[in-house]
Amino acid sequence: FDDASYVGTRLLMDKELFQKRVNEFYDANAKLIDGYAPFCKHIFVPNFVGAKAACLTITPENEKFLRSGYNSRTPQ
């Protein structure tokens, strides 16, 4: 919210209002999803800020940057 040099997705909403909306959603639904560790929990909320995930169409020109090799650690 406050780092002007951040180049990722920006949430164009007051951060206190954002927190209030997330808390309201949590209070209404009260569902946390287990994460990768016992102390890690996720809450999934509707996209009420209109955020868009960055994406790019895969083309022959950029495909080479997306492929990597696979080396098996065992003969199987």
PDB file of N, CA and C in Angstrom:
ATOM      1  N   PHE A   1       0.810  -1.200   0.000  1.00  0.00           N
ATOM      2  CA  PHE A   1       0.000   0.000   0.000  1.00  0.00           C
ATOM      3  C   PHE A   1       0.854   1.265   0.000  1.00  0.00           C
ATOM      4  N   ASP A   2       1.993   1.214   0.696  1.00  0.00           N
ATOM      5  CA  ASP A   2       2.750   2.447   0.908  1.00  0.00           C
ATOM      6  C   ASP A   2       4.056   2.543   0.134  1.00  0.00           C
ATOM      7  N   ASP A   3       4.502   1.469  -0.507  1.00  0.00           N
ATOM      8  CA  ASP A   3       5.797   1.461  -1.183  1.00  0.00           C
ATOM      9  C   ASP A   3       5.623   1.911  -2.632  1.00  0.00           C
ATOM     10  N   ALA A   4       5.967   3.148  -2.911  1.00  0.00           N
ATOM     11  CA  ALA A   4       5.803   3.702  -4.266  1.00  0.00           C
ATOM     12  C   ALA A   4       6.688   3.003  -5.288  1.00  0.00           C
ATOM     13  N   SER A   5       7.744   2.335  -4.843  1.00  0.00           N
ATOM     14  CA  SER A   5       8.645   1.663  -5.784  1.00  0.00           C
ATOM     15  C   SER A   5       8.181   0.244  -6.110  1.00  0.00           C
ATOM     16  N   TYR A   6       7.149  -0.255  -5.429  1.00  0.00           N
ATOM     17  CA  TYR A   6       6.638  -1.601  -5.694  1.00  0.00           C
ATOM     18  C   TYR A   6       5.994  -1.647  -7.072  1.00  0.00           C
ATOM     19  N   VAL A   7       6.383  -2.634  -7.893  1.00  0.00           N
ATOM     20  CA  VAL A   7       5.889  -2.676  -9.270  1.00  0.00           C
ATOM     21  C   VAL A   7       4.848  -3.772  -9.493  1.00  0.00           C
ATOM     22  N   GLY A   8       4.459  -4.479  -8.438  1.00  0.00           N
ATOM     23  CA  GLY A   8       3.450  -5.527  -8.571  1.00  0.00           C
ATOM     24  C   GLY A   8       2.049  -4.951  -8.578  1.00  0.00           C
ATOM     25  N   THR A   9       1.081  -5.823  -8.383  1.00  0.00           N
ATOM     26  CA  THR A   9      -0.323  -5.404  -8.359  1.00  0.00           C
ATOM     27  C   THR A   9      -0.554  -4.413  -7.228  1.00  0.00           C
ATOM     28  N   ARG A  10      -1.149  -3.303  -7.562  1.00  0.00           N
ATOM     29  CA  ARG A  10      -1.464  -2.255  -6.580  1.00  0.00           C
ATOM     30  C   ARG A  10      -2.944  -2.348  -6.217  1.00  0.00           C
ATOM     31  N   LEU A  11      -3.234  -2.257  -4.934  1.00  0.00           N
ATOM     32  CA  LEU A  11      -4.612  -2.236  -4.464  1.00  0.00           C
ATOM     33  C   LEU A  11      -4.987  -0.788  -4.221  1.00  0.00           C
ATOM     34  N   LEU A  12      -5.874  -0.283  -5.038  1.00  0.00           N
ATOM     35  CA  LEU A  12      -6.242   1.129  -4.988  1.00  0.00           C
ATOM     36  C   LEU A  12      -7.403   1.347  -4.029  1.00  0.00           C
ATOM     37  N   MET A  13      -7.097   1.149  -2.758  1.00  0.00           N
ATOM     38  CA  MET A  13      -8.095   1.312  -1.708  1.00  0.00           C
ATOM     39  C   MET A  13      -7.353   1.691  -0.438  1.00  0.00           C
ATOM     40  N   ASP A  14      -7.968   2.478   0.380  1.00  0.00           N
ATOM     41  CA  ASP A  14      -7.392   2.818   1.676  1.00  0.00           C
ATOM     42  C   ASP A  14      -7.123   1.531   2.451  1.00  0.00           C
ATOM     43  N   LYS A  15      -5.933   1.392   3.041  1.00  0.00           N
ATOM     44  CA  LYS A  15      -5.578   0.120   3.681  1.00  0.00           C
ATOM     45  C   LYS A  15      -6.441  -0.184   4.904  1.00  0.00           C
ATOM     46  N   GLU A  16      -6.890   0.828   5.625  1.00  0.00           N
ATOM     47  CA  GLU A  16      -7.772   0.564   6.759  1.00  0.00           C
ATOM     48  C   GLU A  16      -9.134   0.043   6.285  1.00  0.00           C
ATOM     49  N   LEU A  17      -9.633   0.615   5.190  1.00  0.00           N
ATOM     50  CA  LEU A  17     -10.892   0.137   4.620  1.00  0.00           C
ATOM     51  C   LEU A  17     -10.725  -1.287   4.094  1.00  0.00           C
ATOM     52  N   PHE A  18      -9.592  -1.569   3.458  1.00  0.00           N
ATOM     53  CA  PHE A  18      -9.311  -2.917   2.969  1.00  0.00           C
ATOM     54  C   PHE A  18      -9.342  -3.909   4.132  1.00  0.00           C
ATOM     55  N   GLN A  19      -8.643  -3.597   5.204  1.00  0.00           N
ATOM     56  CA  GLN A  19      -8.608  -4.466   6.374  1.00  0.00           C
ATOM     57  C   GLN A  19     -10.008  -4.652   6.959  1.00  0.00           C
ATOM     58  N   LYS A  20     -10.773  -3.582   7.011  1.00  0.00           N
ATOM     59  CA  LYS A  20     -12.142  -3.652   7.532  1.00  0.00           C
ATOM     60  C   LYS A  20     -12.988  -4.598   6.688  1.00  0.00           C
ATOM     61  N   ARG A  21     -12.874  -4.501   5.363  1.00  0.00           N
ATOM     62  CA  ARG A  21     -13.661  -5.366   4.459  1.00  0.00           C
ATOM     63  C   ARG A  21     -13.256  -6.835   4.605  1.00  0.00           C
ATOM     64  N   VAL A  22     -11.963  -7.107   4.717  1.00  0.00           N
ATOM     65  CA  VAL A  22     -11.504  -8.489   4.900  1.00  0.00           C
ATOM     66  C   VAL A  22     -12.023  -9.029   6.229  1.00  0.00           C
ATOM     67  N   ASN A  23     -11.934  -8.232   7.283  1.00  0.00           N
ATOM     68  CA  ASN A  23     -12.434  -8.670   8.585  1.00  0.00           C
ATOM     69  C   ASN A  23     -13.939  -8.912   8.566  1.00  0.00           C
ATOM     70  N   GLU A  24     -14.690  -8.074   7.860  1.00  0.00           N
ATOM     71  CA  GLU A  24     -16.134  -8.280   7.735  1.00  0.00           C
ATOM     72  C   GLU A  24     -16.423  -9.595   7.014  1.00  0.00           C
ATOM     73  N   PHE A  25     -15.681  -9.873   5.964  1.00  0.00           N
ATOM     74  CA  PHE A  25     -15.876 -11.126   5.243  1.00  0.00           C
ATOM     75  C   PHE A  25     -15.551 -12.309   6.154  1.00  0.00           C
ATOM     76  N   TYR A  26     -14.447 -12.213   6.885  1.00  0.00           N
ATOM     77  CA  TYR A  26     -14.075 -13.289   7.806  1.00  0.00           C
ATOM     78  C   TYR A  26     -15.148 -13.489   8.878  1.00  0.00           C
ATOM     79  N   ASP A  27     -15.626 -12.402   9.475  1.00  0.00           N
ATOM     80  CA  ASP A  27     -16.649 -12.501  10.516  1.00  0.00           C
ATOM     81  C   ASP A  27     -17.930 -13.140   9.990  1.00  0.00           C
ATOM     82  N   ALA A  28     -18.278 -12.866   8.747  1.00  0.00           N
ATOM     83  CA  ALA A  28     -19.505 -13.400   8.160  1.00  0.00           C
ATOM     84  C   ALA A  28     -19.363 -14.871   7.766  1.00  0.00           C
ATOM     85  N   ASN A  29     -18.148 -15.294   7.401  1.00  0.00           N
ATOM     86  CA  ASN A  29     -17.952 -16.652   6.893  1.00  0.00           C
ATOM     87  C   ASN A  29     -17.102 -17.533   7.804  1.00  0.00           C
ATOM     88  N   ALA A  30     -16.216 -16.925   8.580  1.00  0.00           N
ATOM     89  CA  ALA A  30     -15.384 -17.606   9.578  1.00  0.00           C
ATOM     90  C   ALA A  30     -14.787 -18.919   9.079  1.00  0.00           C
ATOM     91  N   LYS A  31     -14.115 -18.886   7.935  1.00  0.00           N
ATOM     92  CA  LYS A  31     -13.503 -20.099   7.413  1.00  0.00           C
ATOM     93  C   LYS A  31     -12.054 -19.821   7.020  1.00  0.00           C
ATOM     94  N   LEU A  32     -11.145 -20.449   7.745  1.00  0.00           N
ATOM     95  CA  LEU A  32      -9.730 -20.381   7.389  1.00  0.00           C
ATOM     96  C   LEU A  32      -9.332 -21.707   6.770  1.00  0.00           C
ATOM     97  N   ILE A  33      -8.491 -21.657   5.764  1.00  0.00           N
ATOM     98  CA  ILE A  33      -8.017 -22.854   5.069  1.00  0.00           C
ATOM     99  C   ILE A  33      -6.591 -23.143   5.524  1.00  0.00           C
ATOM    100  N   ASP A  34      -6.326 -24.405   5.859  1.00  0.00           N
ATOM    101  CA  ASP A  34      -4.985 -24.780   6.294  1.00  0.00           C
ATOM    102  C   ASP A  34      -3.958 -24.473   5.225  1.00  0.00           C
ATOM    103  N   GLY A  35      -2.805 -23.997   5.665  1.00  0.00           N
ATOM    104  CA  GLY A  35      -1.687 -23.712   4.777  1.00  0.00           C
ATOM    105  C   GLY A  35      -0.667 -24.831   4.823  1.00  0.00           C
ATOM    106  N   TYR A  36       0.549 -24.519   4.444  1.00  0.00           N
ATOM    107  CA  TYR A  36       1.602 -25.524   4.352  1.00  0.00           C
ATOM    108  C   TYR A  36       2.138 -25.943   5.712  1.00  0.00           C
ATOM    109  N   ALA A  37       1.901 -25.173   6.744  1.00  0.00           N
ATOM    110  CA  ALA A  37       2.382 -25.475   8.088  1.00  0.00           C
ATOM    111  C   ALA A  37       1.242 -25.218   9.075  1.00  0.00           C
ATOM    112  N   PRO A  38       1.311 -25.826  10.268  1.00  0.00           N
ATOM    113  CA  PRO A  38       0.215 -25.669  11.237  1.00  0.00           C
ATOM    114  C   PRO A  38      -0.094 -24.215  11.599  1.00  0.00           C
ATOM    115  N   PHE A  39       0.894 -23.359  11.553  1.00  0.00           N
ATOM    116  CA  PHE A  39       0.682 -21.951  11.917  1.00  0.00           C
ATOM    117  C   PHE A  39       0.240 -21.090  10.738  1.00  0.00           C
ATOM    118  N   CYS A  40       0.175 -21.667   9.561  1.00  0.00           N
ATOM    119  CA  CYS A  40      -0.159 -20.912   8.347  1.00  0.00           C
ATOM    120  C   CYS A  40      -1.612 -21.175   7.957  1.00  0.00           C
ATOM    121  N   LYS A  41      -2.394 -20.125   7.845  1.00  0.00           N
ATOM    122  CA  LYS A  41      -3.797 -20.227   7.436  1.00  0.00           C
ATOM    123  C   LYS A  41      -4.053 -19.244   6.303  1.00  0.00           C
ATOM    124  N   HIS A  42      -5.006 -19.589   5.452  1.00  0.00           N
ATOM    125  CA  HIS A  42      -5.379 -18.727   4.333  1.00  0.00           C
ATOM    126  C   HIS A  42      -6.840 -18.325   4.479  1.00  0.00           C
ATOM    127  N   ILE A  43      -7.141 -17.130   4.051  1.00  0.00           N
ATOM    128  CA  ILE A  43      -8.528 -16.700   3.930  1.00  0.00           C
ATOM    129  C   ILE A  43      -8.704 -16.225   2.483  1.00  0.00           C
ATOM    130  N   PHE A  44      -9.711 -16.729   1.832  1.00  0.00           N
ATOM    131  CA  PHE A  44      -9.993 -16.353   0.448  1.00  0.00           C
ATOM    132  C   PHE A  44     -11.213 -15.453   0.449  1.00  0.00           C
ATOM    133  N   VAL A  45     -11.064 -14.295  -0.145  1.00  0.00           N
ATOM    134  CA  VAL A  45     -12.135 -13.302  -0.161  1.00  0.00           C
ATOM    135  C   VAL A  45     -12.460 -12.937  -1.608  1.00  0.00           C
ATOM    136  N   PRO A  46     -13.669 -12.441  -1.855  1.00  0.00           N
ATOM    137  CA  PRO A  46     -13.993 -11.965  -3.197  1.00  0.00           C
ATOM    138  C   PRO A  46     -13.061 -10.807  -3.578  1.00  0.00           C
ATOM    139  N   ASN A  47     -12.855 -10.633  -4.854  1.00  0.00           N
ATOM    140  CA  ASN A  47     -11.995  -9.560  -5.357  1.00  0.00           C
ATOM    141  C   ASN A  47     -12.769  -8.245  -5.351  1.00  0.00           C
ATOM    142  N   PHE A  48     -12.929  -7.662  -4.187  1.00  0.00           N
ATOM    143  CA  PHE A  48     -13.718  -6.442  -4.053  1.00  0.00           C
ATOM    144  C   PHE A  48     -12.936  -5.192  -4.420  1.00  0.00           C
ATOM    145  N   VAL A  49     -11.654  -5.322  -4.746  1.00  0.00           N
ATOM    146  CA  VAL A  49     -10.844  -4.166  -5.137  1.00  0.00           C
ATOM    147  C   VAL A  49     -10.602  -4.114  -6.647  1.00  0.00           C
ATOM    148  N   GLY A  50     -11.063  -5.140  -7.367  1.00  0.00           N
ATOM    149  CA  GLY A  50     -10.861  -5.158  -8.813  1.00  0.00           C
ATOM    150  C   GLY A  50      -9.422  -5.428  -9.223  1.00  0.00           C
ATOM    151  N   ALA A  51      -8.655  -6.093  -8.351  1.00  0.00           N
ATOM    152  CA  ALA A  51      -7.254  -6.405  -8.673  1.00  0.00           C
ATOM    153  C   ALA A  51      -7.194  -7.368  -9.849  1.00  0.00           C
ATOM    154  N   LYS A  52      -6.193  -7.196 -10.668  1.00  0.00           N
ATOM    155  CA  LYS A  52      -5.996  -8.074 -11.819  1.00  0.00           C
ATOM    156  C   LYS A  52      -4.636  -8.743 -11.681  1.00  0.00           C
ATOM    157  N   ALA A  53      -4.626 -10.045 -11.909  1.00  0.00           N
ATOM    158  CA  ALA A  53      -3.365 -10.787 -11.858  1.00  0.00           C
ATOM    159  C   ALA A  53      -2.585 -10.526 -13.146  1.00  0.00           C
ATOM    160  N   ALA A  54      -1.296 -10.366 -12.992  1.00  0.00           N
ATOM    161  CA  ALA A  54      -0.454 -10.162 -14.173  1.00  0.00           C
ATOM    162  C   ALA A  54      -0.380 -11.465 -14.964  1.00  0.00           C
ATOM    163  N   CYS A  55      -0.518 -11.358 -16.256  1.00  0.00           N
ATOM    164  CA  CYS A  55      -0.418 -12.537 -17.111  1.00  0.00           C
ATOM    165  C   CYS A  55       0.093 -12.107 -18.483  1.00  0.00           C
ATOM    166  N   LEU A  56       0.559 -13.084 -19.205  1.00  0.00           N
ATOM    167  CA  LEU A  56       1.132 -12.822 -20.519  1.00  0.00           C
ATOM    168  C   LEU A  56       0.792 -13.979 -21.432  1.00  0.00           C
ATOM    169  N   THR A  57       0.412 -13.708 -22.647  1.00  0.00           N
ATOM    170  CA  THR A  57       0.140 -14.752 -23.618  1.00  0.00           C
ATOM    171  C   THR A  57       1.442 -15.442 -23.996  1.00  0.00           C
ATOM    172  N   ILE A  58       1.408 -16.776 -24.014  1.00  0.00           N
ATOM    173  CA  ILE A  58       2.596 -17.525 -24.430  1.00  0.00           C
ATOM    174  C   ILE A  58       2.674 -17.498 -25.953  1.00  0.00           C
ATOM    175  N   THR A  59       3.806 -17.046 -26.459  1.00  0.00           N
ATOM    176  CA  THR A  59       4.041 -16.944 -27.900  1.00  0.00           C
ATOM    177  C   THR A  59       5.317 -17.695 -28.235  1.00  0.00           C
ATOM    178  N   PRO A  60       5.569 -17.961 -29.506  1.00  0.00           N
ATOM    179  CA  PRO A  60       6.842 -18.593 -29.877  1.00  0.00           C
ATOM    180  C   PRO A  60       8.053 -17.772 -29.422  1.00  0.00           C
ATOM    181  N   GLU A  61       7.894 -16.464 -29.346  1.00  0.00           N
ATOM    182  CA  GLU A  61       9.006 -15.601 -28.948  1.00  0.00           C
ATOM    183  C   GLU A  61       9.341 -15.709 -27.458  1.00  0.00           C
ATOM    184  N   ASN A  62       8.339 -15.907 -26.600  1.00  0.00           N
ATOM    185  CA  ASN A  62       8.635 -15.969 -25.166  1.00  0.00           C
ATOM    186  C   ASN A  62       8.610 -17.385 -24.596  1.00  0.00           C
ATOM    187  N   GLU A  63       8.166 -18.352 -25.394  1.00  0.00           N
ATOM    188  CA  GLU A  63       8.068 -19.734 -24.909  1.00  0.00           C
ATOM    189  C   GLU A  63       9.415 -20.270 -24.425  1.00  0.00           C
ATOM    190  N   LYS A  64      10.496 -19.887 -25.079  1.00  0.00           N
ATOM    191  CA  LYS A  64      11.821 -20.390 -24.694  1.00  0.00           C
ATOM    192  C   LYS A  64      12.201 -19.981 -23.267  1.00  0.00           C
ATOM    193  N   PHE A  65      11.633 -18.910 -22.780  1.00  0.00           N
ATOM    194  CA  PHE A  65      11.918 -18.455 -21.418  1.00  0.00           C
ATOM    195  C   PHE A  65      11.082 -19.195 -20.367  1.00  0.00           C
ATOM    196  N   LEU A  66      10.086 -19.947 -20.815  1.00  0.00           N
ATOM    197  CA  LEU A  66       9.180 -20.635 -19.902  1.00  0.00           C
ATOM    198  C   LEU A  66       9.487 -22.117 -19.762  1.00  0.00           C
ATOM    199  N   ARG A  67      10.230 -22.658 -20.676  1.00  0.00           N
ATOM    200  CA  ARG A  67      10.551 -24.084 -20.662  1.00  0.00           C
ATOM    201  C   ARG A  67      11.836 -24.324 -19.892  1.00  0.00           C
ATOM    202  N   SER A  68      11.861 -25.460 -19.227  1.00  0.00           N
ATOM    203  CA  SER A  68      13.083 -25.862 -18.538  1.00  0.00           C
ATOM    204  C   SER A  68      13.259 -27.372 -18.723  1.00  0.00           C
ATOM    205  N   GLY A  69      14.427 -27.838 -18.418  1.00  0.00           N
ATOM    206  CA  GLY A  69      14.700 -29.262 -18.566  1.00  0.00           C
ATOM    207  C   GLY A  69      14.238 -30.045 -17.363  1.00  0.00           C
ATOM    208  N   TYR A  70      14.174 -31.334 -17.536  1.00  0.00           N
ATOM    209  CA  TYR A  70      13.846 -32.230 -16.425  1.00  0.00           C
ATOM    210  C   TYR A  70      14.887 -33.324 -16.407  1.00  0.00           C
ATOM    211  N   ASN A  71      15.515 -33.521 -15.258  1.00  0.00           N
ATOM    212  CA  ASN A  71      16.467 -34.600 -15.086  1.00  0.00           C
ATOM    213  C   ASN A  71      15.970 -35.495 -13.964  1.00  0.00           C
ATOM    214  N   SER A  72      15.738 -36.771 -14.308  1.00  0.00           N
ATOM    215  CA  SER A  72      15.275 -37.726 -13.326  1.00  0.00           C
ATOM    216  C   SER A  72      16.390 -38.039 -12.338  1.00  0.00           C
ATOM    217  N   ARG A  73      16.033 -38.145 -11.056  1.00  0.00           N
ATOM    218  CA  ARG A  73      17.028 -38.499 -10.050  1.00  0.00           C
ATOM    219  C   ARG A  73      17.235 -39.993  -9.978  1.00  0.00           C
ATOM    220  N   THR A  74      16.302 -40.757 -10.532  1.00  0.00           N
ATOM    221  CA  THR A  74      16.429 -42.224 -10.556  1.00  0.00           C
ATOM    222  C   THR A  74      16.120 -42.698 -11.968  1.00  0.00           C
ATOM    223  N   PRO A  75      16.564 -43.899 -12.319  1.00  0.00           N
ATOM    224  CA  PRO A  75      16.317 -44.402 -13.688  1.00  0.00           C
ATOM    225  C   PRO A  75      14.846 -44.569 -14.036  1.00  0.00           C
ATOM    226  N   GLN A  76      13.942 -44.685 -13.048  1.00  0.00           N
ATOM    227  CA  GLN A  76      12.525 -44.860 -13.354  1.00  0.00           C
ATOM    228  C   GLN A  76      12.005 -43.576 -13.896  1.00  0.00           C
TER     229      GLN A  76
END
